[in-house]
């Protein structure tokens, strides 16, 4: 990877707590998400189906940077979810990606 280049990351959350506890902490998690959308780090996020966790598509300069961001997630801080990071280099994309996401 070139110096200063960004790469993509899939962050998979798997809940380790019940949904009642997840829901009780959701507002704090959403504030965390909004912070990193505003910072330009998060591209897409949402719940997995079935609802046993979530997915975040992020951009970053390094895995270490993404790990540091994850440590700020209230779900991580409070031990409510396990996190898996998958780093990849995007080589192709649909020209109409937004249209496909919107359906």
PDB file of N, CA and C in Angstrom:
ATOM      1  N   UNK A   1       0.846  -1.170   0.000  1.00  0.00           N
ATOM      2  CA  UNK A   1       0.000   0.000   0.000  1.00  0.00           C
ATOM      3  C   UNK A   1       0.891   1.233   0.000  1.00  0.00           C
ATOM      4  N   UNK A   2       0.497   2.245  -0.765  1.00  0.00           N
ATOM      5  CA  UNK A   2       1.274   3.465  -0.846  1.00  0.00           C
ATOM      6  C   UNK A   2       1.178   4.242   0.464  1.00  0.00           C
ATOM      7  N   UNK A   3       2.233   4.960   0.789  1.00  0.00           N
ATOM      8  CA  UNK A   3       2.222   5.775   1.997  1.00  0.00           C
ATOM      9  C   UNK A   3       1.103   6.797   1.903  1.00  0.00           C
ATOM     10  N   UNK A   4       0.314   6.926   2.969  1.00  0.00           N
ATOM     11  CA  UNK A   4      -0.759   7.889   3.003  1.00  0.00           C
ATOM     12  C   UNK A   4      -2.043   7.423   2.333  1.00  0.00           C
ATOM     13  N   UNK A   5      -2.018   6.263   1.669  1.00  0.00           N
ATOM     14  CA  UNK A   5      -3.202   5.764   0.980  1.00  0.00           C
ATOM     15  C   UNK A   5      -4.195   5.210   1.995  1.00  0.00           C
ATOM     16  N   UNK A   6      -5.473   5.240   1.622  1.00  0.00           N
ATOM     17  CA  UNK A   6      -6.491   4.652   2.479  1.00  0.00           C
ATOM     18  C   UNK A   6      -6.869   3.289   1.924  1.00  0.00           C
ATOM     19  N   UNK A   7      -7.404   2.470   2.789  1.00  0.00           N
ATOM     20  CA  UNK A   7      -7.876   1.157   2.395  1.00  0.00           C
ATOM     21  C   UNK A   7      -9.219   0.929   3.063  1.00  0.00           C
ATOM     22  N   UNK A   8      -9.917  -0.083   2.637  1.00  0.00           N
ATOM     23  CA  UNK A   8     -11.242  -0.375   3.157  1.00  0.00           C
ATOM     24  C   UNK A   8     -11.197  -1.459   4.216  1.00  0.00           C
ATOM     25  N   UNK A   9     -12.163  -1.365   5.127  1.00  0.00           N
ATOM     26  CA  UNK A   9     -12.271  -2.327   6.215  1.00  0.00           C
ATOM     27  C   UNK A   9     -13.736  -2.686   6.412  1.00  0.00           C
ATOM     28  N   UNK A  10     -13.992  -3.968   6.567  1.00  0.00           N
ATOM     29  CA  UNK A  10     -15.295  -4.428   7.023  1.00  0.00           C
ATOM     30  C   UNK A  10     -15.133  -4.720   8.504  1.00  0.00           C
ATOM     31  N   UNK A  11     -15.953  -4.084   9.315  1.00  0.00           N
ATOM     32  CA  UNK A  11     -15.943  -4.312  10.753  1.00  0.00           C
ATOM     33  C   UNK A  11     -17.221  -5.068  11.081  1.00  0.00           C
ATOM     34  N   UNK A  12     -17.054  -6.283  11.583  1.00  0.00           N
ATOM     35  CA  UNK A  12     -18.207  -7.099  11.941  1.00  0.00           C
ATOM     36  C   UNK A  12     -18.336  -7.137  13.454  1.00  0.00           C
ATOM     37  N   UNK A  13     -19.507  -6.751  13.947  1.00  0.00           N
ATOM     38  CA  UNK A  13     -19.819  -6.823  15.371  1.00  0.00           C
ATOM     39  C   UNK A  13     -20.702  -8.037  15.592  1.00  0.00           C
ATOM     40  N   UNK A  14     -20.395  -8.807  16.620  1.00  0.00           N
ATOM     41  CA  UNK A  14     -21.254  -9.916  17.043  1.00  0.00           C
ATOM     42  C   UNK A  14     -21.590  -9.672  18.502  1.00  0.00           C
ATOM     43  N   UNK A  15     -22.875  -9.521  18.776  1.00  0.00           N
ATOM     44  CA  UNK A  15     -23.302  -9.217  20.139  1.00  0.00           C
ATOM     45  C   UNK A  15     -22.956 -10.354  21.090  1.00  0.00           C
ATOM     46  N   UNK A  16     -22.480  -9.978  22.269  1.00  0.00           N
ATOM     47  CA  UNK A  16     -22.211 -10.937  23.338  1.00  0.00           C
ATOM     48  C   UNK A  16     -23.180 -10.720  24.495  1.00  0.00           C
ATOM     49  N   UNK A  17     -24.052  -9.729  24.349  1.00  0.00           N
ATOM     50  CA  UNK A  17     -25.064  -9.410  25.357  1.00  0.00           C
ATOM     51  C   UNK A  17     -26.441  -9.570  24.723  1.00  0.00           C
ATOM     52  N   UNK A  18     -27.462  -9.632  25.548  1.00  0.00           N
ATOM     53  CA  UNK A  18     -28.829  -9.732  25.068  1.00  0.00           C
ATOM     54  C   UNK A  18     -29.278  -8.444  24.396  1.00  0.00           C
ATOM     55  N   UNK A  19     -30.333  -8.551  23.578  1.00  0.00           N
ATOM     56  CA  UNK A  19     -30.812  -7.388  22.839  1.00  0.00           C
ATOM     57  C   UNK A  19     -31.324  -6.277  23.748  1.00  0.00           C
ATOM     58  N   UNK A  20     -31.850  -6.610  24.919  1.00  0.00           N
ATOM     59  CA  UNK A  20     -32.297  -5.569  25.850  1.00  0.00           C
ATOM     60  C   UNK A  20     -31.117  -4.685  26.261  1.00  0.00           C
ATOM     61  N   UNK A  21     -29.975  -5.302  26.538  1.00  0.00           N
ATOM     62  CA  UNK A  21     -28.784  -4.535  26.917  1.00  0.00           C
ATOM     63  C   UNK A  21     -28.214  -3.784  25.711  1.00  0.00           C
ATOM     64  N   UNK A  22     -28.248  -4.410  24.533  1.00  0.00           N
ATOM     65  CA  UNK A  22     -27.808  -3.738  23.304  1.00  0.00           C
ATOM     66  C   UNK A  22     -28.660  -2.491  23.082  1.00  0.00           C
ATOM     67  N   UNK A  23     -29.986  -2.655  23.147  1.00  0.00           N
ATOM     68  CA  UNK A  23     -30.887  -1.522  22.914  1.00  0.00           C
ATOM     69  C   UNK A  23     -30.681  -0.416  23.944  1.00  0.00           C
ATOM     70  N   UNK A  24     -30.381  -0.776  25.182  1.00  0.00           N
ATOM     71  CA  UNK A  24     -30.155   0.211  26.232  1.00  0.00           C
ATOM     72  C   UNK A  24     -28.900   1.049  25.964  1.00  0.00           C
ATOM     73  N   UNK A  25     -27.993   0.526  25.148  1.00  0.00           N
ATOM     74  CA  UNK A  25     -26.743   1.218  24.828  1.00  0.00           C
ATOM     75  C   UNK A  25     -26.691   1.721  23.392  1.00  0.00           C
ATOM     76  N   UNK A  26     -27.795   1.566  22.661  1.00  0.00           N
ATOM     77  CA  UNK A  26     -27.810   1.908  21.234  1.00  0.00           C
ATOM     78  C   UNK A  26     -27.592   3.397  20.991  1.00  0.00           C
ATOM     79  N   UNK A  27     -28.170   4.272  21.809  1.00  0.00           N
ATOM     80  CA  UNK A  27     -28.000   5.716  21.592  1.00  0.00           C
ATOM     81  C   UNK A  27     -26.520   6.110  21.650  1.00  0.00           C
ATOM     82  N   UNK A  28     -25.792   5.549  22.599  1.00  0.00           N
ATOM     83  CA  UNK A  28     -24.359   5.844  22.706  1.00  0.00           C
ATOM     84  C   UNK A  28     -23.601   5.295  21.495  1.00  0.00           C
ATOM     85  N   UNK A  29     -23.991   4.111  21.024  1.00  0.00           N
ATOM     86  CA  UNK A  29     -23.360   3.513  19.847  1.00  0.00           C
ATOM     87  C   UNK A  29     -23.625   4.380  18.613  1.00  0.00           C
ATOM     88  N   UNK A  30     -24.852   4.869  18.471  1.00  0.00           N
ATOM     89  CA  UNK A  30     -25.197   5.711  17.317  1.00  0.00           C
ATOM     90  C   UNK A  30     -24.408   7.022  17.357  1.00  0.00           C
ATOM     91  N   UNK A  31     -24.204   7.591  18.527  1.00  0.00           N
ATOM     92  CA  UNK A  31     -23.375   8.799  18.641  1.00  0.00           C
ATOM     93  C   UNK A  31     -21.948   8.522  18.173  1.00  0.00           C
ATOM     94  N   UNK A  32     -21.417   7.353  18.548  1.00  0.00           N
ATOM     95  CA  UNK A  32     -20.096   6.927  18.081  1.00  0.00           C
ATOM     96  C   UNK A  32     -20.078   6.836  16.555  1.00  0.00           C
ATOM     97  N   UNK A  33     -21.092   6.186  15.973  1.00  0.00           N
ATOM     98  CA  UNK A  33     -21.165   6.061  14.518  1.00  0.00           C
ATOM     99  C   UNK A  33     -21.188   7.431  13.857  1.00  0.00           C
ATOM    100  N   UNK A  34     -22.024   8.323  14.345  1.00  0.00           N
ATOM    101  CA  UNK A  34     -22.141   9.665  13.760  1.00  0.00           C
ATOM    102  C   UNK A  34     -20.818  10.413  13.805  1.00  0.00           C
ATOM    103  N   UNK A  35     -20.070  10.240  14.894  1.00  0.00           N
ATOM    104  CA  UNK A  35     -18.762  10.891  15.012  1.00  0.00           C
ATOM    105  C   UNK A  35     -17.852  10.484  13.859  1.00  0.00           C
ATOM    106  N   UNK A  36     -17.845   9.189  13.538  1.00  0.00           N
ATOM    107  CA  UNK A  36     -16.923   8.718  12.505  1.00  0.00           C
ATOM    108  C   UNK A  36     -17.481   8.834  11.090  1.00  0.00           C
ATOM    109  N   UNK A  37     -18.801   8.981  10.940  1.00  0.00           N
ATOM    110  CA  UNK A  37     -19.341   9.400   9.640  1.00  0.00           C
ATOM    111  C   UNK A  37     -18.887  10.830   9.371  1.00  0.00           C
ATOM    112  N   UNK A  38     -19.020  11.697  10.368  1.00  0.00           N
ATOM    113  CA  UNK A  38     -18.625  13.099  10.223  1.00  0.00           C
ATOM    114  C   UNK A  38     -17.125  13.243   9.954  1.00  0.00           C
ATOM    115  N   UNK A  39     -16.318  12.336  10.530  1.00  0.00           N
ATOM    116  CA  UNK A  39     -14.865  12.366  10.336  1.00  0.00           C
ATOM    117  C   UNK A  39     -14.441  11.761   8.999  1.00  0.00           C
ATOM    118  N   UNK A  40     -15.403  11.210   8.241  1.00  0.00           N
ATOM    119  CA  UNK A  40     -15.082  10.638   6.940  1.00  0.00           C
ATOM    120  C   UNK A  40     -14.546   9.217   6.999  1.00  0.00           C
ATOM    121  N   UNK A  41     -14.667   8.551   8.130  1.00  0.00           N
ATOM    122  CA  UNK A  41     -14.120   7.202   8.278  1.00  0.00           C
ATOM    123  C   UNK A  41     -15.138   6.101   7.988  1.00  0.00           C
ATOM    124  N   UNK A  42     -16.415   6.321   8.265  1.00  0.00           N
ATOM    125  CA  UNK A  42     -17.436   5.297   8.049  1.00  0.00           C
ATOM    126  C   UNK A  42     -18.214   5.605   6.783  1.00  0.00           C
ATOM    127  N   UNK A  43     -18.469   4.569   5.985  1.00  0.00           N
ATOM    128  CA  UNK A  43     -19.178   4.713   4.720  1.00  0.00           C
ATOM    129  C   UNK A  43     -20.600   4.173   4.779  1.00  0.00           C
ATOM    130  N   UNK A  44     -20.765   3.011   5.393  1.00  0.00           N
ATOM    131  CA  UNK A  44     -22.053   2.320   5.469  1.00  0.00           C
ATOM    132  C   UNK A  44     -22.059   1.536   6.778  1.00  0.00           C
ATOM    133  N   UNK A  45     -23.225   1.437   7.402  1.00  0.00           N
ATOM    134  CA  UNK A  45     -23.347   0.588   8.583  1.00  0.00           C
ATOM    135  C   UNK A  45     -24.783   0.109   8.708  1.00  0.00           C
ATOM    136  N   UNK A  46     -24.959  -0.952   9.476  1.00  0.00           N
ATOM    137  CA  UNK A  46     -26.308  -1.439   9.712  1.00  0.00           C
ATOM    138  C   UNK A  46     -26.301  -2.749  10.473  1.00  0.00           C
ATOM    139  N   UNK A  47     -27.520  -3.177  10.833  1.00  0.00           N
ATOM    140  CA  UNK A  47     -27.705  -4.422  11.588  1.00  0.00           C
ATOM    141  C   UNK A  47     -27.579  -5.624  10.672  1.00  0.00           C
ATOM    142  N   UNK A  48     -27.054  -6.714  11.237  1.00  0.00           N
ATOM    143  CA  UNK A  48     -27.044  -7.985  10.519  1.00  0.00           C
ATOM    144  C   UNK A  48     -28.440  -8.601  10.622  1.00  0.00           C
ATOM    145  N   UNK A  49     -28.750  -9.457   9.688  1.00  0.00           N
ATOM    146  CA  UNK A  49     -30.008 -10.207   9.699  1.00  0.00           C
ATOM    147  C   UNK A  49     -29.636 -11.685   9.683  1.00  0.00           C
ATOM    148  N   UNK A  50     -29.983 -12.446  10.732  1.00  0.00           N
ATOM    149  CA  UNK A  50     -30.751 -12.045  11.904  1.00  0.00           C
ATOM    150  C   UNK A  50     -29.955 -11.062  12.762  1.00  0.00           C
ATOM    151  N   UNK A  51     -30.650 -10.403  13.681  1.00  0.00           N
ATOM    152  CA  UNK A  51     -30.058  -9.325  14.472  1.00  0.00           C
ATOM    153  C   UNK A  51     -29.177  -9.874  15.597  1.00  0.00           C
ATOM    154  N   UNK A  52     -27.969 -10.279  15.213  1.00  0.00           N
ATOM    155  CA  UNK A  52     -27.006 -10.765  16.193  1.00  0.00           C
ATOM    156  C   UNK A  52     -25.731  -9.920  16.190  1.00  0.00           C
ATOM    157  N   UNK A  53     -25.817  -8.752  15.540  1.00  0.00           N
ATOM    158  CA  UNK A  53     -24.662  -7.875  15.456  1.00  0.00           C
ATOM    159  C   UNK A  53     -24.852  -6.853  14.358  1.00  0.00           C
ATOM    160  N   UNK A  54     -23.750  -6.317  13.873  1.00  0.00           N
ATOM    161  CA  UNK A  54     -23.816  -5.306  12.833  1.00  0.00           C
ATOM    162  C   UNK A  54     -22.580  -5.310  11.968  1.00  0.00           C
ATOM    163  N   UNK A  55     -22.630  -4.492  10.922  1.00  0.00           N
ATOM    164  CA  UNK A  55     -21.531  -4.352   9.975  1.00  0.00           C
ATOM    165  C   UNK A  55     -21.257  -2.867   9.781  1.00  0.00           C
ATOM    166  N   UNK A  56     -19.982  -2.503   9.735  1.00  0.00           N
ATOM    167  CA  UNK A  56     -19.558  -1.149   9.401  1.00  0.00           C
ATOM    168  C   UNK A  56     -18.541  -1.265   8.270  1.00  0.00           C
ATOM    169  N   UNK A  57     -18.746  -0.514   7.198  1.00  0.00           N
ATOM    170  CA  UNK A  57     -17.744  -0.401   6.141  1.00  0.00           C
ATOM    171  C   UNK A  57     -17.011   0.903   6.385  1.00  0.00           C
ATOM    172  N   UNK A  58     -15.698   0.814   6.561  1.00  0.00           N
ATOM    173  CA  UNK A  58     -14.890   1.975   6.944  1.00  0.00           C
ATOM    174  C   UNK A  58     -13.701   2.151   6.010  1.00  0.00           C
ATOM    175  N   UNK A  59     -13.157   3.359   6.017  1.00  0.00           N
ATOM    176  CA  UNK A  59     -11.896   3.643   5.329  1.00  0.00           C
ATOM    177  C   UNK A  59     -10.899   4.119   6.365  1.00  0.00           C
ATOM    178  N   UNK A  60      -9.636   3.779   6.137  1.00  0.00           N
ATOM    179  CA  UNK A  60      -8.606   4.202   7.069  1.00  0.00           C
ATOM    180  C   UNK A  60      -7.232   4.052   6.460  1.00  0.00           C
ATOM    181  N   UNK A  61      -6.255   4.618   7.137  1.00  0.00           N
ATOM    182  CA  UNK A  61      -4.870   4.535   6.674  1.00  0.00           C
ATOM    183  C   UNK A  61      -4.189   3.244   7.107  1.00  0.00           C
ATOM    184  N   UNK A  62      -4.708   2.626   8.200  1.00  0.00           N
ATOM    185  CA  UNK A  62      -4.089   1.409   8.695  1.00  0.00           C
ATOM    186  C   UNK A  62      -5.072   0.626   9.553  1.00  0.00           C
ATOM    187  N   UNK A  63      -4.780  -0.640   9.722  1.00  0.00           N
ATOM    188  CA  UNK A  63      -5.570  -1.479  10.625  1.00  0.00           C
ATOM    189  C   UNK A  63      -5.488  -0.930  12.049  1.00  0.00           C
ATOM    190  N   UNK A  64      -4.316  -0.461  12.429  1.00  0.00           N
ATOM    191  CA  UNK A  64      -4.116   0.107  13.770  1.00  0.00           C
ATOM    192  C   UNK A  64      -5.060   1.291  13.999  1.00  0.00           C
ATOM    193  N   UNK A  65      -5.237   2.136  12.991  1.00  0.00           N
ATOM    194  CA  UNK A  65      -6.151   3.267  13.108  1.00  0.00           C
ATOM    195  C   UNK A  65      -7.590   2.785  13.324  1.00  0.00           C
ATOM    196  N   UNK A  66      -8.011   1.782  12.578  1.00  0.00           N
ATOM    197  CA  UNK A  66      -9.364   1.236  12.714  1.00  0.00           C
ATOM    198  C   UNK A  66      -9.530   0.580  14.082  1.00  0.00           C
ATOM    199  N   UNK A  67      -8.526  -0.129  14.552  1.00  0.00           N
ATOM    200  CA  UNK A  67      -8.594  -0.740  15.889  1.00  0.00           C
ATOM    201  C   UNK A  67      -8.766   0.333  16.964  1.00  0.00           C
ATOM    202  N   UNK A  68      -8.073   1.460  16.814  1.00  0.00           N
ATOM    203  CA  UNK A  68      -8.192   2.548  17.790  1.00  0.00           C
ATOM    204  C   UNK A  68      -9.600   3.138  17.763  1.00  0.00           C
ATOM    205  N   UNK A  69     -10.166   3.273  16.590  1.00  0.00           N
ATOM    206  CA  UNK A  69     -11.539   3.777  16.469  1.00  0.00           C
ATOM    207  C   UNK A  69     -12.508   2.817  17.150  1.00  0.00           C
ATOM    208  N   UNK A  70     -12.361   1.540  16.895  1.00  0.00           N
ATOM    209  CA  UNK A  70     -13.260   0.537  17.481  1.00  0.00           C
ATOM    210  C   UNK A  70     -13.222   0.590  19.008  1.00  0.00           C
ATOM    211  N   UNK A  71     -12.060   0.830  19.569  1.00  0.00           N
ATOM    212  CA  UNK A  71     -11.948   0.883  21.033  1.00  0.00           C
ATOM    213  C   UNK A  71     -12.801   1.993  21.642  1.00  0.00           C
ATOM    214  N   UNK A  72     -13.242   2.955  20.824  1.00  0.00           N
ATOM    215  CA  UNK A  72     -14.111   4.029  21.305  1.00  0.00           C
ATOM    216  C   UNK A  72     -15.591   3.651  21.272  1.00  0.00           C
ATOM    217  N   UNK A  73     -15.932   2.571  20.586  1.00  0.00           N
ATOM    218  CA  UNK A  73     -17.336   2.169  20.475  1.00  0.00           C
ATOM    219  C   UNK A  73     -17.847   1.735  21.854  1.00  0.00           C
ATOM    220  N   UNK A  74     -18.954   2.299  22.326  1.00  0.00           N
ATOM    221  CA  UNK A  74     -19.498   1.873  23.611  1.00  0.00           C
ATOM    222  C   UNK A  74     -19.764   0.368  23.688  1.00  0.00           C
ATOM    223  N   UNK A  75     -20.119  -0.251  22.578  1.00  0.00           N
ATOM    224  CA  UNK A  75     -20.320  -1.702  22.577  1.00  0.00           C
ATOM    225  C   UNK A  75     -19.020  -2.419  22.899  1.00  0.00           C
ATOM    226  N   UNK A  76     -17.885  -1.875  22.443  1.00  0.00           N
ATOM    227  CA  UNK A  76     -16.580  -2.443  22.762  1.00  0.00           C
ATOM    228  C   UNK A  76     -16.211  -2.130  24.214  1.00  0.00           C
ATOM    229  N   UNK A  77     -16.318  -0.847  24.586  1.00  0.00           N
ATOM    230  CA  UNK A  77     -15.939  -0.413  25.931  1.00  0.00           C
ATOM    231  C   UNK A  77     -16.696  -1.169  27.017  1.00  0.00           C
ATOM    232  N   UNK A  78     -17.951  -1.487  26.743  1.00  0.00           N
ATOM    233  CA  UNK A  78     -18.809  -2.123  27.748  1.00  0.00           C
ATOM    234  C   UNK A  78     -18.886  -3.638  27.589  1.00  0.00           C
ATOM    235  N   UNK A  79     -18.079  -4.192  26.672  1.00  0.00           N
ATOM    236  CA  UNK A  79     -18.017  -5.636  26.481  1.00  0.00           C
ATOM    237  C   UNK A  79     -19.305  -6.248  25.939  1.00  0.00           C
ATOM    238  N   UNK A  80     -20.024  -5.503  25.116  1.00  0.00           N
ATOM    239  CA  UNK A  80     -21.310  -5.965  24.605  1.00  0.00           C
ATOM    240  C   UNK A  80     -21.211  -6.670  23.257  1.00  0.00           C
ATOM    241  N   UNK A  81     -20.044  -6.596  22.611  1.00  0.00           N
ATOM    242  CA  UNK A  81     -19.886  -7.205  21.294  1.00  0.00           C
ATOM    243  C   UNK A  81     -18.432  -7.585  21.060  1.00  0.00           C
ATOM    244  N   UNK A  82     -18.261  -8.623  20.255  1.00  0.00           N
ATOM    245  CA  UNK A  82     -16.946  -8.970  19.719  1.00  0.00           C
ATOM    246  C   UNK A  82     -16.812  -8.275  18.374  1.00  0.00           C
ATOM    247  N   UNK A  83     -15.585  -7.915  18.010  1.00  0.00           N
ATOM    248  CA  UNK A  83     -15.329  -7.199  16.773  1.00  0.00           C
ATOM    249  C   UNK A  83     -14.343  -7.974  15.910  1.00  0.00           C
ATOM    250  N   UNK A  84     -14.645  -8.065  14.629  1.00  0.00           N
ATOM    251  CA  UNK A  84     -13.753  -8.700  13.655  1.00  0.00           C
ATOM    252  C   UNK A  84     -13.474  -7.674  12.564  1.00  0.00           C
ATOM    253  N   UNK A  85     -12.214  -7.483  12.210  1.00  0.00           N
ATOM    254  CA  UNK A  85     -11.821  -6.517  11.182  1.00  0.00           C
ATOM    255  C   UNK A  85     -11.319  -7.284   9.966  1.00  0.00           C
ATOM    256  N   UNK A  86     -11.872  -6.964   8.819  1.00  0.00           N
ATOM    257  CA  UNK A  86     -11.422  -7.541   7.553  1.00  0.00           C
ATOM    258  C   UNK A  86     -10.934  -6.382   6.691  1.00  0.00           C
ATOM    259  N   UNK A  87      -9.664  -6.388   6.370  1.00  0.00           N
ATOM    260  CA  UNK A  87      -9.080  -5.338   5.543  1.00  0.00           C
ATOM    261  C   UNK A  87      -9.063  -5.811   4.102  1.00  0.00           C
ATOM    262  N   UNK A  88      -9.433  -4.916   3.165  1.00  0.00           N
ATOM    263  CA  UNK A  88      -9.352  -5.297   1.760  1.00  0.00           C
ATOM    264  C   UNK A  88      -9.075  -4.083   0.884  1.00  0.00           C
ATOM    265  N   UNK A  89      -8.581  -4.375  -0.297  1.00  0.00           N
ATOM    266  CA  UNK A  89      -8.303  -3.340  -1.290  1.00  0.00           C
ATOM    267  C   UNK A  89      -9.386  -3.431  -2.345  1.00  0.00           C
ATOM    268  N   UNK A  90     -10.169  -2.396  -2.485  1.00  0.00           N
ATOM    269  CA  UNK A  90     -11.231  -2.386  -3.491  1.00  0.00           C
ATOM    270  C   UNK A  90     -10.598  -2.259  -4.875  1.00  0.00           C
ATOM    271  N   UNK A  91     -10.940  -3.179  -5.756  1.00  0.00           N
ATOM    272  CA  UNK A  91     -10.399  -3.127  -7.111  1.00  0.00           C
ATOM    273  C   UNK A  91     -11.482  -2.814  -8.144  1.00  0.00           C
ATOM    274  N   UNK A  92     -12.746  -2.958  -7.757  1.00  0.00           N
ATOM    275  CA  UNK A  92     -13.852  -2.642  -8.653  1.00  0.00           C
ATOM    276  C   UNK A  92     -15.015  -2.116  -7.836  1.00  0.00           C
ATOM    277  N   UNK A  93     -15.892  -1.361  -8.494  1.00  0.00           N
ATOM    278  CA  UNK A  93     -17.132  -0.917  -7.875  1.00  0.00           C
ATOM    279  C   UNK A  93     -18.141  -0.613  -8.964  1.00  0.00           C
ATOM    280  N   UNK A  94     -19.400  -0.670  -8.596  1.00  0.00           N
ATOM    281  CA  UNK A  94     -20.477  -0.336  -9.524  1.00  0.00           C
ATOM    282  C   UNK A  94     -20.526   1.185  -9.697  1.00  0.00           C
ATOM    283  N   UNK A  95     -20.703   1.656 -10.930  1.00  0.00           N
ATOM    284  CA  UNK A  95     -20.815   3.098 -11.167  1.00  0.00           C
ATOM    285  C   UNK A  95     -22.068   3.679 -10.511  1.00  0.00           C
ATOM    286  N   UNK A  96     -23.104   2.844 -10.383  1.00  0.00           N
ATOM    287  CA  UNK A  96     -24.373   3.299  -9.802  1.00  0.00           C
ATOM    288  C   UNK A  96     -24.551   2.750  -8.395  1.00  0.00           C
ATOM    289  N   UNK A  97     -23.503   2.754  -7.611  1.00  0.00           N
ATOM    290  CA  UNK A  97     -23.521   2.126  -6.300  1.00  0.00           C
ATOM    291  C   UNK A  97     -24.640   2.670  -5.405  1.00  0.00           C
ATOM    292  N   UNK A  98     -24.849   3.986  -5.394  1.00  0.00           N
ATOM    293  CA  UNK A  98     -25.890   4.543  -4.537  1.00  0.00           C
ATOM    294  C   UNK A  98     -27.281   4.050  -4.958  1.00  0.00           C
ATOM    295  N   UNK A  99     -27.516   3.980  -6.248  1.00  0.00           N
ATOM    296  CA  UNK A  99     -28.803   3.486  -6.760  1.00  0.00           C
ATOM    297  C   UNK A  99     -29.026   2.034  -6.322  1.00  0.00           C
ATOM    298  N   UNK A 100     -27.976   1.234  -6.354  1.00  0.00           N
ATOM    299  CA  UNK A 100     -28.091  -0.174  -5.936  1.00  0.00           C
ATOM    300  C   UNK A 100     -28.343  -0.288  -4.447  1.00  0.00           C
ATOM    301  N   UNK A 101     -27.705   0.541  -3.652  1.00  0.00           N
ATOM    302  CA  UNK A 101     -27.921   0.513  -2.204  1.00  0.00           C
ATOM    303  C   UNK A 101     -29.353   0.915  -1.880  1.00  0.00           C
ATOM    304  N   UNK A 102     -29.836   1.954  -2.555  1.00  0.00           N
ATOM    305  CA  UNK A 102     -31.181   2.455  -2.302  1.00  0.00           C
ATOM    306  C   UNK A 102     -32.267   1.517  -2.815  1.00  0.00           C
ATOM    307  N   UNK A 103     -31.901   0.632  -3.770  1.00  0.00           N
ATOM    308  CA  UNK A 103     -32.857  -0.338  -4.291  1.00  0.00           C
ATOM    309  C   UNK A 103     -33.720   0.264  -5.351  1.00  0.00           C
TER     310      UNK A 103
END
